[in-house]
N, C-alpha and C. Protein backbone atom coordinates (compact mmCIF):
# COMPACT_ATOMS: atom_id res chain seq x y z
N MET A 1 -12.96 16.14 29.92
CA MET A 1 -14.13 15.72 30.35
C MET A 1 -15.46 16.08 29.46
N TYR A 2 -16.30 14.81 29.39
CA TYR A 2 -17.41 14.86 28.30
C TYR A 2 -18.32 15.31 29.27
N LEU A 3 -19.59 16.01 28.26
CA LEU A 3 -20.90 16.47 28.49
C LEU A 3 -21.35 14.95 27.56
N ILE A 4 -22.33 14.02 28.28
CA ILE A 4 -22.90 13.13 27.86
C ILE A 4 -24.41 13.16 28.08
N HIS A 5 -25.56 13.37 26.71
CA HIS A 5 -26.71 14.04 27.51
C HIS A 5 -27.42 12.26 27.06
N ALA A 6 -27.96 12.12 28.10
CA ALA A 6 -29.06 10.55 28.51
C ALA A 6 -30.31 10.77 28.01
N GLN A 7 -31.08 10.74 26.81
CA GLN A 7 -32.09 10.69 26.68
C GLN A 7 -32.97 9.88 26.99
N LEU A 8 -34.24 10.21 28.34
CA LEU A 8 -35.03 8.65 28.75
C LEU A 8 -36.35 8.78 27.86
N LEU A 9 -37.27 7.94 27.97
CA LEU A 9 -37.87 7.16 27.43
C LEU A 9 -39.10 7.62 28.99
N ALA A 10 -39.98 7.99 29.03
CA ALA A 10 -40.43 7.85 30.09
C ALA A 10 -42.16 7.57 29.73
N PRO A 11 -42.80 7.03 30.35
CA PRO A 11 -44.02 6.30 30.53
C PRO A 11 -45.51 7.28 30.00
N PRO A 12 -46.17 7.12 29.36
CA PRO A 12 -47.48 8.48 29.38
C PRO A 12 -47.50 8.72 30.41
N GLY A 13 -47.30 10.28 30.49
CA GLY A 13 -48.44 10.63 31.59
C GLY A 13 -47.07 10.85 32.56
N THR A 14 -45.85 10.71 32.60
CA THR A 14 -45.16 10.67 33.98
C THR A 14 -44.34 11.66 33.87
N THR A 15 -43.21 12.18 34.96
CA THR A 15 -42.11 13.01 34.64
C THR A 15 -41.13 12.46 35.14
N LEU A 16 -39.78 13.30 34.57
CA LEU A 16 -38.42 12.59 35.28
C LEU A 16 -38.67 13.29 36.77
N PRO A 17 -38.37 12.11 37.45
CA PRO A 17 -38.65 12.24 39.02
C PRO A 17 -37.61 13.55 39.33
N ALA A 18 -38.09 14.05 40.78
CA ALA A 18 -36.56 15.51 40.77
C ALA A 18 -35.98 14.91 41.37
N ASP A 19 -35.82 13.68 41.84
CA ASP A 19 -34.27 13.26 42.81
C ASP A 19 -33.31 12.86 41.78
N ALA A 20 -33.74 12.50 40.07
CA ALA A 20 -33.36 11.58 39.43
C ALA A 20 -31.24 11.85 39.14
N ALA A 21 -30.72 12.95 39.08
CA ALA A 21 -29.97 13.44 38.80
C ALA A 21 -29.21 13.26 39.98
N ARG A 22 -29.43 13.33 41.13
CA ARG A 22 -29.03 12.83 42.27
C ARG A 22 -28.78 11.59 42.60
N TYR A 23 -30.19 11.04 42.51
CA TYR A 23 -29.94 9.74 42.63
C TYR A 23 -28.75 8.83 41.48
N ALA A 24 -29.05 9.16 40.41
CA ALA A 24 -27.68 9.07 39.51
C ALA A 24 -26.71 9.01 39.68
N LEU A 25 -26.12 10.35 40.82
CA LEU A 25 -24.68 10.55 40.79
C LEU A 25 -24.36 9.78 42.02
N ALA A 26 -25.71 9.34 42.80
CA ALA A 26 -25.15 8.18 44.22
C ALA A 26 -24.66 7.09 43.61
N LEU A 27 -25.50 6.65 42.21
CA LEU A 27 -25.07 5.36 41.82
C LEU A 27 -23.43 5.09 41.48
N ALA A 28 -23.59 6.24 41.06
CA ALA A 28 -22.12 6.51 40.14
C ALA A 28 -20.69 5.53 40.80
N ARG A 29 -20.18 4.72 40.22
CA ARG A 29 -18.81 4.24 40.86
C ARG A 29 -17.58 4.87 40.29
N PRO A 30 -16.59 5.44 41.20
CA PRO A 30 -15.88 5.59 41.35
C PRO A 30 -14.72 5.68 40.27
N HIS A 31 -14.69 4.48 39.55
CA HIS A 31 -14.13 4.67 38.05
C HIS A 31 -15.02 4.56 36.95
N GLU A 32 -15.91 4.69 36.84
CA GLU A 32 -16.62 5.67 35.77
C GLU A 32 -16.18 7.36 35.52
N GLY A 33 -16.18 7.64 36.61
CA GLY A 33 -15.23 9.26 36.51
C GLY A 33 -16.51 10.43 36.38
N VAL A 34 -18.13 10.09 36.95
CA VAL A 34 -18.83 10.66 37.07
C VAL A 34 -18.51 12.31 37.54
N GLU A 35 -19.04 13.77 37.17
CA GLU A 35 -18.58 14.51 38.21
C GLU A 35 -19.45 15.43 38.33
N HIS A 36 -20.36 15.21 37.49
CA HIS A 36 -22.19 15.86 37.79
C HIS A 36 -22.95 15.69 36.91
N VAL A 37 -24.48 15.30 37.61
CA VAL A 37 -25.42 15.04 36.70
C VAL A 37 -26.14 16.16 36.57
N THR A 38 -26.77 16.57 35.76
CA THR A 38 -28.13 17.78 35.82
C THR A 38 -29.18 17.39 34.79
N PRO A 39 -30.58 17.54 35.55
CA PRO A 39 -31.68 16.99 35.05
C PRO A 39 -32.12 18.07 33.75
N HIS A 40 -32.68 17.67 32.53
CA HIS A 40 -33.46 18.72 31.53
C HIS A 40 -34.81 18.02 31.79
N PRO A 41 -35.87 17.98 32.58
CA PRO A 41 -36.86 17.07 32.65
C PRO A 41 -37.96 17.89 31.57
N HIS A 42 -37.74 18.67 31.22
CA HIS A 42 -38.57 19.23 30.10
C HIS A 42 -38.01 19.69 28.93
N ALA A 43 -37.04 18.58 28.27
CA ALA A 43 -36.28 18.45 27.17
C ALA A 43 -37.04 17.83 26.14
N LEU A 44 -37.39 18.36 24.76
CA LEU A 44 -38.00 17.94 23.81
C LEU A 44 -36.92 16.78 22.87
N PRO A 45 -37.60 15.82 22.32
CA PRO A 45 -38.85 15.35 22.41
C PRO A 45 -38.85 14.46 23.93
N HIS A 46 -37.67 14.11 24.50
CA HIS A 46 -37.64 13.54 25.82
C HIS A 46 -37.15 13.85 26.86
N PRO A 47 -36.49 13.71 28.05
CA PRO A 47 -36.12 13.83 29.33
C PRO A 47 -35.07 13.93 29.46
N VAL A 48 -33.93 14.09 29.47
CA VAL A 48 -32.71 14.31 29.18
C VAL A 48 -31.73 14.15 30.86
N LEU A 49 -30.61 13.34 30.74
CA LEU A 49 -29.93 13.44 32.06
C LEU A 49 -28.74 13.81 31.55
N GLY A 50 -28.00 15.24 31.44
CA GLY A 50 -26.89 14.82 31.19
C GLY A 50 -25.72 14.95 32.01
N VAL A 51 -25.03 13.96 31.64
CA VAL A 51 -23.92 13.34 32.65
C VAL A 51 -22.45 13.99 32.26
N PHE A 52 -21.56 14.47 33.16
CA PHE A 52 -20.21 15.11 33.54
C PHE A 52 -19.28 14.15 33.57
N LEU A 53 -18.80 13.67 32.81
CA LEU A 53 -17.64 12.89 33.06
C LEU A 53 -16.37 12.83 32.37
N VAL A 54 -15.33 12.23 33.32
CA VAL A 54 -13.80 12.17 32.66
C VAL A 54 -13.61 10.87 32.05
N ALA A 55 -13.42 10.59 31.22
CA ALA A 55 -12.75 9.38 30.43
C ALA A 55 -11.61 9.53 29.16
N ASP A 56 -11.01 8.54 29.17
CA ASP A 56 -10.03 8.59 28.30
C ASP A 56 -10.40 8.75 26.42
N SER A 57 -11.80 8.41 26.58
CA SER A 57 -12.00 8.33 24.61
C SER A 57 -14.15 9.14 24.87
N LEU A 58 -14.36 9.86 24.08
CA LEU A 58 -16.07 9.67 23.49
C LEU A 58 -16.74 8.42 23.81
N HIS A 59 -16.07 7.60 23.14
CA HIS A 59 -16.98 6.05 23.22
C HIS A 59 -17.17 5.49 24.77
N GLU A 60 -15.73 6.02 25.25
CA GLU A 60 -15.86 5.30 26.93
C GLU A 60 -16.35 6.15 27.58
N ALA A 61 -16.88 7.29 27.60
CA ALA A 61 -17.66 8.09 28.23
C ALA A 61 -19.24 7.87 27.88
N GLU A 62 -19.54 7.86 26.44
CA GLU A 62 -20.73 7.29 26.21
C GLU A 62 -21.49 5.94 26.77
N ASP A 63 -20.40 4.78 26.54
CA ASP A 63 -20.69 4.11 27.34
C ASP A 63 -20.70 3.94 28.97
N ARG A 64 -19.90 4.84 29.22
CA ARG A 64 -20.51 5.07 30.91
C ARG A 64 -21.35 5.66 31.34
N ALA A 65 -21.66 6.83 30.48
CA ALA A 65 -22.91 7.24 31.07
C ALA A 65 -24.24 6.54 30.56
N ALA A 66 -24.07 5.54 29.31
CA ALA A 66 -25.38 4.83 29.26
C ALA A 66 -25.55 3.68 30.52
N ALA A 67 -24.59 3.08 30.73
CA ALA A 67 -24.51 2.01 31.40
C ALA A 67 -25.21 2.61 33.20
N LEU A 68 -24.65 3.68 32.98
CA LEU A 68 -24.94 4.55 34.56
C LEU A 68 -26.55 5.09 35.06
N CYS A 69 -27.03 5.18 33.75
CA CYS A 69 -28.55 5.05 33.23
C CYS A 69 -29.29 3.87 33.31
N ARG A 70 -28.64 3.22 32.97
CA ARG A 70 -29.56 1.70 33.14
C ARG A 70 -29.30 1.34 34.67
N ARG A 71 -28.70 1.80 35.02
CA ARG A 71 -28.30 1.28 36.75
C ARG A 71 -29.27 1.73 36.82
N LEU A 72 -29.74 3.42 36.97
CA LEU A 72 -30.99 3.98 37.46
C LEU A 72 -31.93 3.81 37.22
N LEU A 73 -32.29 3.11 35.97
CA LEU A 73 -33.91 2.71 35.85
C LEU A 73 -34.03 1.72 36.12
N GLU A 74 -32.62 0.45 36.65
CA GLU A 74 -33.05 -0.46 37.60
C GLU A 74 -33.48 -0.40 38.90
N CYS A 75 -32.90 0.91 39.43
CA CYS A 75 -32.78 1.27 40.77
C CYS A 75 -33.65 2.11 41.39
N HIS A 76 -33.83 2.73 40.81
CA HIS A 76 -35.01 3.46 41.43
C HIS A 76 -35.97 3.92 40.85
N GLU A 77 -37.11 3.11 42.21
CA GLU A 77 -38.55 2.56 41.98
C GLU A 77 -39.28 4.17 41.71
N GLY A 78 -39.22 4.86 41.25
CA GLY A 78 -39.84 6.29 41.03
C GLY A 78 -40.03 6.04 39.18
N MET A 79 -38.67 5.58 38.25
CA MET A 79 -38.44 5.19 37.46
C MET A 79 -38.72 3.84 36.18
N ALA A 80 -39.33 2.87 37.37
CA ALA A 80 -39.98 1.71 36.55
C ALA A 80 -40.96 2.27 35.10
N GLY A 81 -40.66 1.62 34.48
CA GLY A 81 -41.25 1.47 32.89
C GLY A 81 -40.53 2.26 32.64
N TRP A 82 -39.45 2.75 32.88
CA TRP A 82 -38.78 3.93 31.67
C TRP A 82 -37.75 3.31 30.60
N GLY A 83 -37.36 3.92 29.85
CA GLY A 83 -36.12 3.79 29.13
C GLY A 83 -35.24 4.32 28.38
N LEU A 84 -33.89 3.78 28.13
CA LEU A 84 -32.58 4.70 28.10
C LEU A 84 -32.88 4.60 26.11
N ARG A 85 -33.11 5.69 25.95
CA ARG A 85 -33.23 5.80 24.07
C ARG A 85 -31.89 6.31 23.48
N ARG A 86 -31.28 7.17 24.11
CA ARG A 86 -29.57 6.95 24.06
C ARG A 86 -28.66 7.94 24.77
N ALA A 87 -27.27 7.80 24.63
CA ALA A 87 -26.55 8.57 25.29
C ALA A 87 -25.43 8.93 24.86
N GLU A 88 -25.12 10.19 24.34
CA GLU A 88 -24.54 10.45 23.50
C GLU A 88 -23.92 12.15 23.48
N VAL A 89 -23.05 12.36 23.09
CA VAL A 89 -22.76 13.68 23.51
C VAL A 89 -23.44 14.50 22.39
N PRO A 90 -24.34 15.62 22.82
CA PRO A 90 -25.07 16.51 22.49
C PRO A 90 -24.46 17.27 21.21
N LEU A 91 -24.63 17.28 19.80
CA LEU A 91 -24.28 18.18 18.78
C LEU A 91 -24.63 19.59 19.32
N LEU A 92 -23.60 20.47 19.07
CA LEU A 92 -24.46 21.91 19.22
C LEU A 92 -23.77 22.68 18.10
N ALA A 93 -24.09 23.95 17.96
CA ALA A 93 -23.91 25.18 17.06
C ALA A 93 -22.61 26.00 17.57
N PRO A 94 -22.05 26.08 16.68
CA PRO A 94 -20.59 27.12 17.09
C PRO A 94 -21.03 28.12 17.78
N LEU A 95 -20.32 28.80 18.31
CA LEU A 95 -20.38 29.30 19.53
C LEU A 95 -20.94 31.13 18.85
N GLY A 96 -21.97 31.49 19.31
CA GLY A 96 -22.50 32.69 18.63
C GLY A 96 -23.60 32.79 17.55
N HIS A 97 -23.69 30.98 17.45
CA HIS A 97 -24.89 30.62 16.35
C HIS A 97 -26.11 30.00 17.09
N GLY A 98 -27.16 29.93 16.37
CA GLY A 98 -28.37 28.77 16.78
C GLY A 98 -28.98 29.99 17.72
N PRO A 99 -29.95 29.17 18.41
CA PRO A 99 -30.75 30.06 19.20
C PRO A 99 -30.24 30.54 20.64
N LEU A 100 -29.20 30.52 20.92
CA LEU A 100 -28.76 31.53 21.90
C LEU A 100 -27.59 32.87 20.86
N GLY A 101 -27.32 32.41 20.12
CA GLY A 101 -26.55 33.92 19.20
C GLY A 101 -27.40 34.20 18.34
N PRO A 102 -27.01 35.50 17.62
CA PRO A 102 -27.35 36.00 17.17
C PRO A 102 -27.94 36.20 15.61
N LEU A 103 -28.91 37.06 15.04
CA LEU A 103 -29.63 36.34 14.17
C LEU A 103 -29.02 35.74 13.19
N GLU A 104 -27.65 36.84 12.81
CA GLU A 104 -27.14 36.96 11.40
C GLU A 104 -25.92 36.80 11.99
N SER A 105 -24.74 36.32 10.28
CA SER A 105 -23.92 35.47 11.09
C SER A 105 -22.86 36.64 11.52
N PRO A 106 -22.03 36.27 12.08
CA PRO A 106 -20.88 37.40 13.07
C PRO A 106 -19.91 37.51 11.72
N SER A 107 -20.00 37.08 10.45
CA SER A 107 -19.17 37.15 9.16
C SER A 107 -19.66 38.15 8.48
N THR A 108 -21.31 38.45 8.22
CA THR A 108 -21.84 38.45 7.22
C THR A 108 -23.00 39.72 8.06
N PRO A 109 -22.29 41.15 8.29
CA PRO A 109 -23.04 42.27 8.92
C PRO A 109 -24.46 42.11 8.29
N SER A 110 -25.57 42.91 8.93
CA SER A 110 -26.90 42.48 8.79
C SER A 110 -27.26 43.64 7.49
N GLU A 111 -26.22 44.60 7.15
CA GLU A 111 -26.40 45.83 6.65
C GLU A 111 -25.83 45.20 4.92
N LEU A 112 -24.99 44.31 4.83
CA LEU A 112 -24.92 43.54 3.75
C LEU A 112 -25.50 42.68 3.03
N ARG A 113 -26.73 42.16 3.77
CA ARG A 113 -27.50 41.23 3.13
C ARG A 113 -28.36 42.03 2.15
N ARG A 114 -28.82 41.31 0.91
CA ARG A 114 -29.70 41.15 0.35
C ARG A 114 -30.65 41.33 0.61
N LYS A 115 -31.70 42.40 0.08
CA LYS A 115 -33.04 42.25 0.54
C LYS A 115 -34.38 41.62 -0.08
């Protein structure tokens, strides 16, 4: 299973429609392997739809998520004027690092740091 983040380009002054994820899931075709779609309307710099899907390769997963999002943009009346910036696997910090992890590296305890 892959998680693909689809960054959407919104027209000025608009927000991601509340039903965008549900609508996208309804548009998914059986062969696309889409299991779940989750909205991130306040993601920066662009709203994101997280598409969880089963595919044989990363490339195939990204292509399927992009096709689903293009279909959403064509079919959802509330998304007229929206665009797809990209659909790709998000880069994540290693477990325990980054904004949700500790401030120091687990392999370098804070008492051993230079001041």
